[in-house]
Amino acid sequence: MTAQDSATLPVAVAPRTSSTPGTALAALGVLSFSFSFPATAWALTGFGPWTATGLRGALAGVLAVLYLVAVRAPLPTRRQWPGLLVVSAGCVLGFPLLTTLALRMSSTAHSAVVIGMLPLATAVFAAWRTGRRPSRAFWGAALAGAAAVIAFTLLQSHGRPTVADLYLFVALLICAAGYAEGGRLSRDLPGAQVIAWAVVAALPATVLTSALALPAEPVHLGAKALTGLAYTAAVSQFGGFVLWYRGMAAIGVPQASQLQLAQPLLTLVWAVLLLGEDLPAAAPVTAVVVLVCIAVTQRART
């Protein structure tokens, strides 16, 4: 990432690296996140939602502490902490808990609606926080892609919003704020340190949640449950964010966020292969629409 000094150039004028490596890093982050819902579903076979969320954050916190000690990372500056707390609240606490609760009542395929709306919400938060104004072509393609994914996922549930939909809607809003703030912070703080400090900041909450939930919720240890928990902690909560924030810092938050339009479709593939869910017939058509929208957003100028 860029230099750690908080006095570096503002986001709007900071120098950028080549867009190809940045796009590749952001795409790898999306690929990592696409396994998160199936992995969470696996974790729920052995843990309750509060236990799974608490342990996910606590284990990720251990990894984050080890990383920060290994690289001898300096403490964030006072001006960086408010943004880190937004990342912590949105990406470490709120989004994992709300989506885990939703997955208890909804299928993995339907829950992917939150990912379909997330890129647009992230772009809106990013434009508000950084003052950048993407072009009309960018917004048009982003809206079209989000609409295609939303229509696809709602079609699978016959258009009937549920309590799970409410969880997902709130989750996408707070996660979008965390994504945008993390992308902004990654301009003057290494992306790995952004998510590491955010996870560490959430440790008191995640450790307390684990301590209270473990005796209150049933635990059935199994290979799937442990694998799912390990993945959500090591990759969904830490490793994937390292790639994601590095990519966003290189190519910009709005453009990187649009790569996530492909995430629901990837999640559907894993849902079929890993969870045995049926692949909807409309998936190939939606995939083509989404890929076209991604191509447009990546070429549109801000």
C-alpha atoms as a PDB file:
ATOM      1  CA  MET A   1       0.000   0.000   0.000  1.00  0.00           C
ATOM      2  CA  THR A   2       1.003   3.640   0.266  1.00  0.00           C
ATOM      3  CA  ALA A   3       2.991   5.307   3.018  1.00  0.00           C
ATOM      4  CA  GLN A   4       1.781   5.069   6.580  1.00  0.00           C
ATOM      5  CA  ASP A   5       2.203   8.724   7.406  1.00  0.00           C
ATOM      6  CA  SER A   6      -1.204  10.314   7.849  1.00  0.00           C
ATOM      7  CA  ALA A   7       0.092  13.455   6.181  1.00  0.00           C
ATOM      8  CA  THR A   8       0.213  11.859   2.732  1.00  0.00           C
ATOM      9  CA  LEU A   9      -1.639  13.323  -0.231  1.00  0.00           C
ATOM     10  CA  PRO A  10      -5.446  13.502  -0.014  1.00  0.00           C
ATOM     11  CA  VAL A  11      -7.476  10.647  -1.431  1.00  0.00           C
ATOM     12  CA  ALA A  12      -8.630  12.614  -4.460  1.00  0.00           C
ATOM     13  CA  VAL A  13      -5.107  13.303  -5.701  1.00  0.00           C
ATOM     14  CA  ALA A  14      -3.043  10.432  -4.289  1.00  0.00           C
ATOM     15  CA  PRO A  15      -0.900   8.689  -6.891  1.00  0.00           C
ATOM     16  CA  ARG A  16      -2.092   5.304  -8.087  1.00  0.00           C
ATOM     17  CA  THR A  17      -0.330   2.158  -9.163  1.00  0.00           C
ATOM     18  CA  SER A  18      -1.113   0.289 -12.350  1.00  0.00           C
ATOM     19  CA  SER A  19      -4.783  -0.604 -12.562  1.00  0.00           C
ATOM     20  CA  THR A  20      -4.136  -4.213 -13.626  1.00  0.00           C
ATOM     21  CA  PRO A  21      -2.554  -5.399 -10.342  1.00  0.00           C
ATOM     22  CA  GLY A  22      -5.151  -3.462  -8.374  1.00  0.00           C
ATOM     23  CA  THR A  23      -8.013  -5.023 -10.308  1.00  0.00           C
ATOM     24  CA  ALA A  24      -6.482  -8.468  -9.829  1.00  0.00           C
ATOM     25  CA  LEU A  25      -6.173  -7.957  -6.065  1.00  0.00           C
ATOM     26  CA  ALA A  26      -9.743  -6.693  -5.761  1.00  0.00           C
ATOM     27  CA  ALA A  27     -10.975  -9.639  -7.858  1.00  0.00           C
ATOM     28  CA  LEU A  28      -9.144 -12.098  -5.595  1.00  0.00           C
ATOM     29  CA  GLY A  29     -10.798 -10.405  -2.631  1.00  0.00           C
ATOM     30  CA  VAL A  30     -14.206 -10.890  -4.254  1.00  0.00           C
ATOM     31  CA  LEU A  31     -13.392 -14.547  -4.932  1.00  0.00           C
ATOM     32  CA  SER A  32     -12.443 -14.993  -1.283  1.00  0.00           C
ATOM     33  CA  PHE A  33     -15.648 -13.338  -0.076  1.00  0.00           C
ATOM     34  CA  SER A  34     -17.790 -15.434  -2.438  1.00  0.00           C
ATOM     35  CA  PHE A  35     -17.137 -18.467  -0.219  1.00  0.00           C
ATOM     36  CA  SER A  36     -18.231 -16.621   2.937  1.00  0.00           C
ATOM     37  CA  PHE A  37     -21.937 -17.491   2.853  1.00  0.00           C
ATOM     38  CA  PRO A  38     -21.389 -21.231   2.181  1.00  0.00           C
ATOM     39  CA  ALA A  39     -18.691 -21.269   4.868  1.00  0.00           C
ATOM     40  CA  THR A  40     -21.068 -19.550   7.296  1.00  0.00           C
ATOM     41  CA  ALA A  41     -23.742 -22.135   6.466  1.00  0.00           C
ATOM     42  CA  TRP A  42     -21.232 -24.844   7.322  1.00  0.00           C
ATOM     43  CA  ALA A  43     -20.322 -23.119  10.589  1.00  0.00           C
ATOM     44  CA  LEU A  44     -24.018 -22.986  11.524  1.00  0.00           C
ATOM     45  CA  THR A  45     -24.198 -26.800  11.383  1.00  0.00           C
ATOM     46  CA  GLY A  46     -22.205 -26.872  14.605  1.00  0.00           C
ATOM     47  CA  PHE A  47     -22.517 -23.446  16.208  1.00  0.00           C
ATOM     48  CA  GLY A  48     -25.298 -20.994  16.991  1.00  0.00           C
ATOM     49  CA  PRO A  49     -25.333 -17.640  15.154  1.00  0.00           C
ATOM     50  CA  TRP A  50     -23.995 -15.617  18.081  1.00  0.00           C
ATOM     51  CA  THR A  51     -21.313 -18.188  18.839  1.00  0.00           C
ATOM     52  CA  ALA A  52     -20.247 -18.413  15.198  1.00  0.00           C
ATOM     53  CA  THR A  53     -20.025 -14.617  14.917  1.00  0.00           C
ATOM     54  CA  GLY A  54     -18.171 -14.167  18.199  1.00  0.00           C
ATOM     55  CA  LEU A  55     -15.631 -16.927  17.540  1.00  0.00           C
ATOM     56  CA  ARG A  56     -15.132 -15.711  13.979  1.00  0.00           C
ATOM     57  CA  GLY A  57     -14.151 -12.266  15.207  1.00  0.00           C
ATOM     58  CA  ALA A  58     -12.117 -13.509  18.171  1.00  0.00           C
ATOM     59  CA  LEU A  59     -10.044 -15.945  16.092  1.00  0.00           C
ATOM     60  CA  ALA A  60      -9.517 -13.286  13.426  1.00  0.00           C
ATOM     61  CA  GLY A  61      -8.419 -10.965  16.232  1.00  0.00           C
ATOM     62  CA  VAL A  62      -5.702 -13.413  17.267  1.00  0.00           C
ATOM     63  CA  LEU A  63      -4.414 -13.525  13.682  1.00  0.00           C
ATOM     64  CA  ALA A  64      -4.535  -9.735  13.482  1.00  0.00           C
ATOM     65  CA  VAL A  65      -2.555  -9.297  16.707  1.00  0.00           C
ATOM     66  CA  LEU A  66       0.103 -11.749  15.503  1.00  0.00           C
ATOM     67  CA  TYR A  67       0.357  -9.881  12.196  1.00  0.00           C
ATOM     68  CA  LEU A  68       0.620  -6.443  13.803  1.00  0.00           C
ATOM     69  CA  VAL A  69       3.317  -7.664  16.191  1.00  0.00           C
ATOM     70  CA  ALA A  70       5.225  -9.398  13.379  1.00  0.00           C
ATOM     71  CA  VAL A  71       5.369  -6.262  11.199  1.00  0.00           C
ATOM     72  CA  ARG A  72       5.845  -3.968  14.218  1.00  0.00           C
ATOM     73  CA  ALA A  73       2.959  -1.838  13.062  1.00  0.00           C
ATOM     74  CA  PRO A  74       2.763   1.585  14.709  1.00  0.00           C
ATOM     75  CA  LEU A  75      -0.432   2.630  16.398  1.00  0.00           C
ATOM     76  CA  PRO A  76      -2.884   4.430  14.100  1.00  0.00           C
ATOM     77  CA  THR A  77      -3.059   8.173  14.481  1.00  0.00           C
ATOM     78  CA  ARG A  78      -5.912   9.879  16.293  1.00  0.00           C
ATOM     79  CA  ARG A  79      -7.464  10.994  12.995  1.00  0.00           C
ATOM     80  CA  GLN A  80      -7.452   7.410  11.675  1.00  0.00           C
ATOM     81  CA  TRP A  81      -9.275   5.804  14.601  1.00  0.00           C
ATOM     82  CA  PRO A  82     -12.797   7.079  13.778  1.00  0.00           C
ATOM     83  CA  GLY A  83     -12.575   5.493  10.323  1.00  0.00           C
ATOM     84  CA  LEU A  84     -11.182   2.254  11.769  1.00  0.00           C
ATOM     85  CA  LEU A  85     -14.110   2.083  14.194  1.00  0.00           C
ATOM     86  CA  VAL A  86     -16.520   2.439  11.254  1.00  0.00           C
ATOM     87  CA  VAL A  87     -14.771  -0.496   9.549  1.00  0.00           C
ATOM     88  CA  SER A  88     -14.918  -2.454  12.797  1.00  0.00           C
ATOM     89  CA  ALA A  89     -18.624  -1.784  13.387  1.00  0.00           C
ATOM     90  CA  GLY A  90     -19.633  -2.486   9.801  1.00  0.00           C
ATOM     91  CA  CYS A  91     -17.326  -5.246   8.563  1.00  0.00           C
ATOM     92  CA  VAL A  92     -16.284  -7.040  11.754  1.00  0.00           C
ATOM     93  CA  LEU A  93     -19.388  -6.873  13.940  1.00  0.00           C
ATOM     94  CA  GLY A  94     -22.576  -5.846  12.135  1.00  0.00           C
ATOM     95  CA  PHE A  95     -22.310  -7.536   8.749  1.00  0.00           C
ATOM     96  CA  PRO A  96     -21.158 -10.966  10.023  1.00  0.00           C
ATOM     97  CA  LEU A  97     -23.826 -11.085  12.742  1.00  0.00           C
ATOM     98  CA  LEU A  98     -26.743  -9.906  10.597  1.00  0.00           C
ATOM     99  CA  THR A  99     -25.901 -12.133   7.636  1.00  0.00           C
ATOM    100  CA  THR A 100     -25.400 -15.113   9.950  1.00  0.00           C
ATOM    101  CA  LEU A 101     -28.835 -14.522  11.466  1.00  0.00           C
ATOM    102  CA  ALA A 102     -30.293 -14.190   7.968  1.00  0.00           C
ATOM    103  CA  LEU A 103     -28.731 -17.465   6.815  1.00  0.00           C
ATOM    104  CA  ARG A 104     -30.612 -19.297   9.544  1.00  0.00           C
ATOM    105  CA  MET A 105     -33.899 -18.271   7.896  1.00  0.00           C
ATOM    106  CA  SER A 106     -32.934 -17.951   4.238  1.00  0.00           C
ATOM    107  CA  SER A 107     -31.035 -19.936   1.625  1.00  0.00           C
ATOM    108  CA  THR A 108     -27.538 -19.001   0.542  1.00  0.00           C
ATOM    109  CA  ALA A 109     -28.845 -18.107  -2.939  1.00  0.00           C
ATOM    110  CA  HIS A 110     -31.444 -15.685  -1.614  1.00  0.00           C
ATOM    111  CA  SER A 111     -29.071 -14.143   0.903  1.00  0.00           C
ATOM    112  CA  ALA A 112     -26.767 -13.191  -1.971  1.00  0.00           C
ATOM    113  CA  VAL A 113     -29.115 -10.240  -2.608  1.00  0.00           C
ATOM    114  CA  VAL A 114     -27.111  -8.283  -0.052  1.00  0.00           C
ATOM    115  CA  ILE A 115     -24.017  -8.684  -2.222  1.00  0.00           C
ATOM    116  CA  GLY A 116     -25.928  -7.564  -5.299  1.00  0.00           C
ATOM    117  CA  MET A 117     -26.782  -4.236  -3.672  1.00  0.00           C
ATOM    118  CA  LEU A 118     -23.477  -3.791  -1.863  1.00  0.00           C
ATOM    119  CA  PRO A 119     -21.397  -2.370  -4.771  1.00  0.00           C
ATOM    120  CA  LEU A 120     -23.861   0.440  -5.419  1.00  0.00           C
ATOM    121  CA  ALA A 121     -24.141   1.268  -1.718  1.00  0.00           C
ATOM    122  CA  THR A 122     -20.346   1.262  -1.399  1.00  0.00           C
ATOM    123  CA  ALA A 123     -19.986   3.612  -4.374  1.00  0.00           C
ATOM    124  CA  VAL A 124     -22.501   6.024  -2.829  1.00  0.00           C
ATOM    125  CA  PHE A 125     -20.678   6.055   0.529  1.00  0.00           C
ATOM    126  CA  ALA A 126     -17.332   6.471  -1.228  1.00  0.00           C
ATOM    127  CA  ALA A 127     -18.565   9.417  -3.300  1.00  0.00           C
ATOM    128  CA  TRP A 128     -19.918  11.064  -0.155  1.00  0.00           C
ATOM    129  CA  ARG A 129     -16.740  10.523   1.908  1.00  0.00           C
ATOM    130  CA  THR A 130     -14.135  11.377  -0.742  1.00  0.00           C
ATOM    131  CA  GLY A 131     -15.943  14.016  -2.777  1.00  0.00           C
ATOM    132  CA  ARG A 132     -15.312  12.097  -6.019  1.00  0.00           C
ATOM    133  CA  ARG A 133     -18.169  12.031  -8.520  1.00  0.00           C
ATOM    134  CA  PRO A 134     -18.263   8.999 -10.850  1.00  0.00           C
ATOM    135  CA  SER A 135     -19.524   9.552 -14.389  1.00  0.00           C
ATOM    136  CA  ARG A 136     -23.093   8.985 -15.534  1.00  0.00           C
ATOM    137  CA  ALA A 137     -21.975   5.916 -17.468  1.00  0.00           C
ATOM    138  CA  PHE A 138     -20.530   4.493 -14.248  1.00  0.00           C
ATOM    139  CA  TRP A 139     -23.723   5.091 -12.279  1.00  0.00           C
ATOM    140  CA  GLY A 140     -25.898   3.764 -15.076  1.00  0.00           C
ATOM    141  CA  ALA A 141     -23.951   0.520 -15.322  1.00  0.00           C
ATOM    142  CA  ALA A 142     -23.784   0.172 -11.536  1.00  0.00           C
ATOM    143  CA  LEU A 143     -27.550   0.636 -11.182  1.00  0.00           C
ATOM    144  CA  ALA A 144     -28.240  -1.779 -14.037  1.00  0.00           C
ATOM    145  CA  GLY A 145     -25.977  -4.433 -12.540  1.00  0.00           C
ATOM    146  CA  ALA A 146     -27.436  -4.062  -9.069  1.00  0.00           C
ATOM    147  CA  ALA A 147     -30.988  -4.151 -10.460  1.00  0.00           C
ATOM    148  CA  ALA A 148     -30.232  -7.332 -12.410  1.00  0.00           C
ATOM    149  CA  VAL A 149     -28.862  -9.116  -9.365  1.00  0.00           C
ATOM    150  CA  ILE A 150     -31.667  -7.890  -7.095  1.00  0.00           C
ATOM    151  CA  ALA A 151     -34.340  -8.948  -9.588  1.00  0.00           C
ATOM    152  CA  PHE A 152     -32.682 -12.337  -9.947  1.00  0.00           C
ATOM    153  CA  THR A 153     -32.481 -13.019  -6.214  1.00  0.00           C
ATOM    154  CA  LEU A 154     -35.953 -11.667  -5.419  1.00  0.00           C
ATOM    155  CA  LEU A 155     -37.379 -13.809  -8.205  1.00  0.00           C
ATOM    156  CA  GLN A 156     -36.133 -16.862  -6.372  1.00  0.00           C
ATOM    157  CA  SER A 157     -38.153 -15.906  -3.279  1.00  0.00           C
ATOM    158  CA  HIS A 158     -41.238 -14.860  -5.294  1.00  0.00           C
ATOM    159  CA  GLY A 159     -40.741 -11.215  -4.306  1.00  0.00           C
ATOM    160  CA  ARG A 160     -41.839 -11.640  -0.708  1.00  0.00           C
ATOM    161  CA  PRO A 161     -39.566  -9.694   1.685  1.00  0.00           C
ATOM    162  CA  THR A 162     -38.914 -11.457   4.994  1.00  0.00           C
ATOM    163  CA  VAL A 163     -37.247 -10.762   8.320  1.00  0.00           C
ATOM    164  CA  ALA A 164     -34.086 -12.155   6.754  1.00  0.00           C
ATOM    165  CA  ASP A 165     -34.362  -9.485   4.050  1.00  0.00           C
ATOM    166  CA  LEU A 166     -34.438  -6.804   6.762  1.00  0.00           C
ATOM    167  CA  TYR A 167     -31.277  -8.223   8.312  1.00  0.00           C
ATOM    168  CA  LEU A 168     -29.614  -8.270   4.900  1.00  0.00           C
ATOM    169  CA  PHE A 169     -30.645  -4.711   4.041  1.00  0.00           C
ATOM    170  CA  VAL A 170     -29.243  -3.298   7.291  1.00  0.00           C
ATOM    171  CA  ALA A 171     -26.128  -5.447   6.858  1.00  0.00           C
ATOM    172  CA  LEU A 172     -25.405  -4.114   3.386  1.00  0.00           C
ATOM    173  CA  LEU A 173     -25.696  -0.484   4.535  1.00  0.00           C
ATOM    174  CA  ILE A 174     -23.272  -0.803   7.424  1.00  0.00           C
ATOM    175  CA  CYS A 175     -20.896  -3.002   5.427  1.00  0.00           C
ATOM    176  CA  ALA A 176     -20.877  -0.496   2.544  1.00  0.00           C
ATOM    177  CA  ALA A 177     -19.885   2.229   5.010  1.00  0.00           C
ATOM    178  CA  GLY A 178     -17.096  -0.005   6.318  1.00  0.00           C
ATOM    179  CA  TYR A 179     -15.877  -0.867   2.805  1.00  0.00           C
ATOM    180  CA  ALA A 180     -15.797   2.766   1.705  1.00  0.00           C
ATOM    181  CA  GLU A 181     -14.090   3.951   4.893  1.00  0.00           C
ATOM    182  CA  GLY A 182     -11.565   1.131   4.688  1.00  0.00           C
ATOM    183  CA  GLY A 183     -10.792   1.968   1.086  1.00  0.00           C
ATOM    184  CA  ARG A 184     -10.256   5.607   2.045  1.00  0.00           C
ATOM    185  CA  LEU A 185      -7.959   4.665   4.934  1.00  0.00           C
ATOM    186  CA  SER A 186      -5.963   2.345   2.681  1.00  0.00           C
ATOM    187  CA  ARG A 187      -4.580   5.417   0.955  1.00  0.00           C
ATOM    188  CA  ASP A 188      -2.313   6.248   3.909  1.00  0.00           C
ATOM    189  CA  LEU A 189      -2.366   3.014   5.923  1.00  0.00           C
ATOM    190  CA  PRO A 190      -1.490  -0.450   4.541  1.00  0.00           C
ATOM    191  CA  GLY A 191      -4.639  -2.419   3.756  1.00  0.00           C
ATOM    192  CA  ALA A 192      -3.588  -5.319   5.966  1.00  0.00           C
ATOM    193  CA  GLN A 193      -3.226  -2.921   8.879  1.00  0.00           C
ATOM    194  CA  VAL A 194      -6.612  -1.327   8.203  1.00  0.00           C
ATOM    195  CA  ILE A 195      -8.492  -4.587   8.682  1.00  0.00           C
ATOM    196  CA  ALA A 196      -6.090  -5.797  11.398  1.00  0.00           C
ATOM    197  CA  TRP A 197      -6.663  -2.750  13.601  1.00  0.00           C
ATOM    198  CA  ALA A 198     -10.414  -2.905  12.904  1.00  0.00           C
ATOM    199  CA  VAL A 199     -10.518  -6.548  14.004  1.00  0.00           C
ATOM    200  CA  VAL A 200      -8.429  -5.786  17.093  1.00  0.00           C
ATOM    201  CA  ALA A 201     -10.732  -2.886  17.989  1.00  0.00           C
ATOM    202  CA  ALA A 202     -13.659  -5.326  17.937  1.00  0.00           C
ATOM    203  CA  LEU A 203     -11.905  -7.923  20.137  1.00  0.00           C
ATOM    204  CA  PRO A 204     -13.586  -6.865  23.412  1.00  0.00           C
ATOM    205  CA  ALA A 205     -17.009  -7.274  21.783  1.00  0.00           C
ATOM    206  CA  THR A 206     -16.217 -10.533  19.971  1.00  0.00           C
ATOM    207  CA  VAL A 207     -14.561 -12.139  23.018  1.00  0.00           C
ATOM    208  CA  LEU A 208     -17.493 -11.137  25.249  1.00  0.00           C
ATOM    209  CA  THR A 209     -19.981 -12.434  22.666  1.00  0.00           C
ATOM    210  CA  SER A 210     -18.149 -15.756  22.494  1.00  0.00           C
ATOM    211  CA  ALA A 211     -18.022 -16.086  26.275  1.00  0.00           C
ATOM    212  CA  LEU A 212     -21.747 -15.427  26.650  1.00  0.00           C
ATOM    213  CA  ALA A 213     -22.928 -17.408  23.618  1.00  0.00           C
ATOM    214  CA  LEU A 214     -20.903 -20.616  24.029  1.00  0.00           C
ATOM    215  CA  PRO A 215     -22.746 -21.830  27.147  1.00  0.00           C
ATOM    216  CA  ALA A 216     -26.114 -20.557  25.877  1.00  0.00           C
ATOM    217  CA  GLU A 217     -26.134 -22.076  22.367  1.00  0.00           C
ATOM    218  CA  PRO A 218     -25.682 -25.778  21.491  1.00  0.00           C
ATOM    219  CA  VAL A 219     -22.351 -26.804  19.982  1.00  0.00           C
ATOM    220  CA  HIS A 220     -21.955 -29.843  17.707  1.00  0.00           C
ATOM    221  CA  LEU A 221     -18.373 -30.113  16.556  1.00  0.00           C
ATOM    222  CA  GLY A 222     -17.871 -31.568  13.100  1.00  0.00           C
ATOM    223  CA  ALA A 223     -15.578 -31.245  10.113  1.00  0.00           C
ATOM    224  CA  LYS A 224     -17.902 -28.892   8.208  1.00  0.00           C
ATOM    225  CA  ALA A 225     -18.577 -26.695  11.222  1.00  0.00           C
ATOM    226  CA  LEU A 226     -14.893 -26.324  12.054  1.00  0.00           C
ATOM    227  CA  THR A 227     -13.910 -25.780   8.412  1.00  0.00           C
ATOM    228  CA  GLY A 228     -16.573 -23.118   7.984  1.00  0.00           C
ATOM    229  CA  LEU A 229     -15.571 -21.347  11.183  1.00  0.00           C
ATOM    230  CA  ALA A 230     -11.877 -21.440  10.240  1.00  0.00           C
ATOM    231  CA  TYR A 231     -12.574 -20.019   6.787  1.00  0.00           C
ATOM    232  CA  THR A 232     -14.778 -17.177   8.009  1.00  0.00           C
ATOM    233  CA  ALA A 233     -12.190 -16.231  10.638  1.00  0.00           C
ATOM    234  CA  ALA A 234      -8.982 -16.524   8.583  1.00  0.00           C
ATOM    235  CA  VAL A 235     -10.227 -15.491   5.132  1.00  0.00           C
ATOM    236  CA  SER A 236     -13.636 -13.806   5.288  1.00  0.00           C
ATOM    237  CA  GLN A 237     -12.684 -11.676   8.290  1.00  0.00           C
ATOM    238  CA  PHE A 238      -8.997 -11.040   7.622  1.00  0.00           C
ATOM    239  CA  GLY A 239      -7.160 -12.413   4.571  1.00  0.00           C
ATOM    240  CA  GLY A 240      -9.832 -11.469   2.033  1.00  0.00           C
ATOM    241  CA  PHE A 241      -9.910  -7.907   3.338  1.00  0.00           C
ATOM    242  CA  VAL A 242      -6.147  -7.566   2.900  1.00  0.00           C
ATOM    243  CA  LEU A 243      -6.540  -8.276  -0.827  1.00  0.00           C
ATOM    244  CA  TRP A 244      -9.723  -6.205  -1.072  1.00  0.00           C
ATOM    245  CA  TYR A 245      -8.383  -3.035   0.523  1.00  0.00           C
ATOM    246  CA  ARG A 246      -5.147  -3.214  -1.451  1.00  0.00           C
ATOM    247  CA  GLY A 247      -7.177  -3.461  -4.647  1.00  0.00           C
ATOM    248  CA  MET A 248      -9.427  -0.561  -3.657  1.00  0.00           C
ATOM    249  CA  ALA A 249      -6.442   1.641  -2.857  1.00  0.00           C
ATOM    250  CA  ALA A 250      -4.995   0.938  -6.319  1.00  0.00           C
ATOM    251  CA  ILE A 251      -8.058   1.431  -8.544  1.00  0.00           C
ATOM    252  CA  GLY A 252     -10.448   3.426  -6.354  1.00  0.00           C
ATOM    253  CA  VAL A 253     -13.395   2.426  -4.173  1.00  0.00           C
ATOM    254  CA  PRO A 254     -16.228   2.934  -6.723  1.00  0.00           C
ATOM    255  CA  GLN A 255     -14.631   0.862  -9.483  1.00  0.00           C
ATOM    256  CA  ALA A 256     -13.391  -1.873  -7.157  1.00  0.00           C
ATOM    257  CA  SER A 257     -16.834  -2.157  -5.587  1.00  0.00           C
ATOM    258  CA  GLN A 258     -18.398  -2.972  -8.937  1.00  0.00           C
ATOM    259  CA  LEU A 259     -16.342  -6.153  -9.187  1.00  0.00           C
ATOM    260  CA  GLN A 260     -18.562  -7.431  -6.398  1.00  0.00           C
ATOM    261  CA  LEU A 261     -21.452  -7.637  -8.840  1.00  0.00           C
ATOM    262  CA  ALA A 262     -19.987 -11.023  -9.766  1.00  0.00           C
ATOM    263  CA  GLN A 263     -19.942 -12.221  -6.157  1.00  0.00           C
ATOM    264  CA  PRO A 264     -23.590 -13.384  -5.877  1.00  0.00           C
ATOM    265  CA  LEU A 265     -23.194 -15.540  -8.968  1.00  0.00           C
ATOM    266  CA  LEU A 266     -19.976 -17.045  -7.672  1.00  0.00           C
ATOM    267  CA  THR A 267     -21.719 -17.689  -4.364  1.00  0.00           C
ATOM    268  CA  LEU A 268     -24.503 -19.487  -6.232  1.00  0.00           C
ATOM    269  CA  VAL A 269     -21.954 -21.772  -7.860  1.00  0.00           C
ATOM    270  CA  TRP A 270     -20.420 -22.646  -4.499  1.00  0.00           C
ATOM    271  CA  ALA A 271     -23.920 -23.120  -3.040  1.00  0.00           C
ATOM    272  CA  VAL A 272     -24.559 -25.778  -5.684  1.00  0.00           C
ATOM    273  CA  LEU A 273     -21.177 -27.474  -5.374  1.00  0.00           C
ATOM    274  CA  LEU A 274     -20.747 -27.254  -1.601  1.00  0.00           C
ATOM    275  CA  LEU A 275     -24.296 -27.114  -0.208  1.00  0.00           C
ATOM    276  CA  GLY A 276     -26.234 -29.026  -2.852  1.00  0.00           C
ATOM    277  CA  GLU A 277     -28.644 -26.167  -3.631  1.00  0.00           C
ATOM    278  CA  ASP A 278     -30.317 -26.057  -7.066  1.00  0.00           C
ATOM    279  CA  LEU A 279     -28.891 -23.572  -9.580  1.00  0.00           C
ATOM    280  CA  PRO A 280     -31.684 -21.274 -10.868  1.00  0.00           C
ATOM    281  CA  ALA A 281     -32.223 -21.336 -14.632  1.00  0.00           C
ATOM    282  CA  ALA A 282     -31.903 -17.546 -14.848  1.00  0.00           C
ATOM    283  CA  ALA A 283     -28.320 -17.605 -13.540  1.00  0.00           C
ATOM    284  CA  PRO A 284     -26.551 -17.677 -16.965  1.00  0.00           C
ATOM    285  CA  VAL A 285     -28.571 -14.695 -18.252  1.00  0.00           C
ATOM    286  CA  THR A 286     -27.882 -12.722 -15.104  1.00  0.00           C
ATOM    287  CA  ALA A 287     -24.200 -13.611 -15.362  1.00  0.00           C
ATOM    288  CA  VAL A 288     -23.963 -12.083 -18.845  1.00  0.00           C
ATOM    289  CA  VAL A 289     -25.711  -8.876 -17.734  1.00  0.00           C
ATOM    290  CA  VAL A 290     -23.454  -8.567 -14.706  1.00  0.00           C
ATOM    291  CA  LEU A 291     -20.263  -9.118 -16.695  1.00  0.00           C
ATOM    292  CA  VAL A 292     -21.291  -6.426 -19.187  1.00  0.00           C
ATOM    293  CA  CYS A 293     -21.975  -3.996 -16.334  1.00  0.00           C
ATOM    294  CA  ILE A 294     -18.606  -4.744 -14.760  1.00  0.00           C
ATOM    295  CA  ALA A 295     -16.861  -4.062 -18.076  1.00  0.00           C
ATOM    296  CA  VAL A 296     -18.636  -0.695 -18.412  1.00  0.00           C
ATOM    297  CA  THR A 297     -17.873   0.434 -14.861  1.00  0.00           C
ATOM    298  CA  GLN A 298     -14.206  -0.491 -15.215  1.00  0.00           C
ATOM    299  CA  ARG A 299     -13.914   1.686 -18.354  1.00  0.00           C
ATOM    300  CA  ALA A 300     -16.040   4.603 -17.171  1.00  0.00           C
ATOM    301  CA  ARG A 301     -14.103   7.678 -16.084  1.00  0.00           C
ATOM    302  CA  THR A 302     -14.732   9.454 -12.811  1.00  0.00           C
END
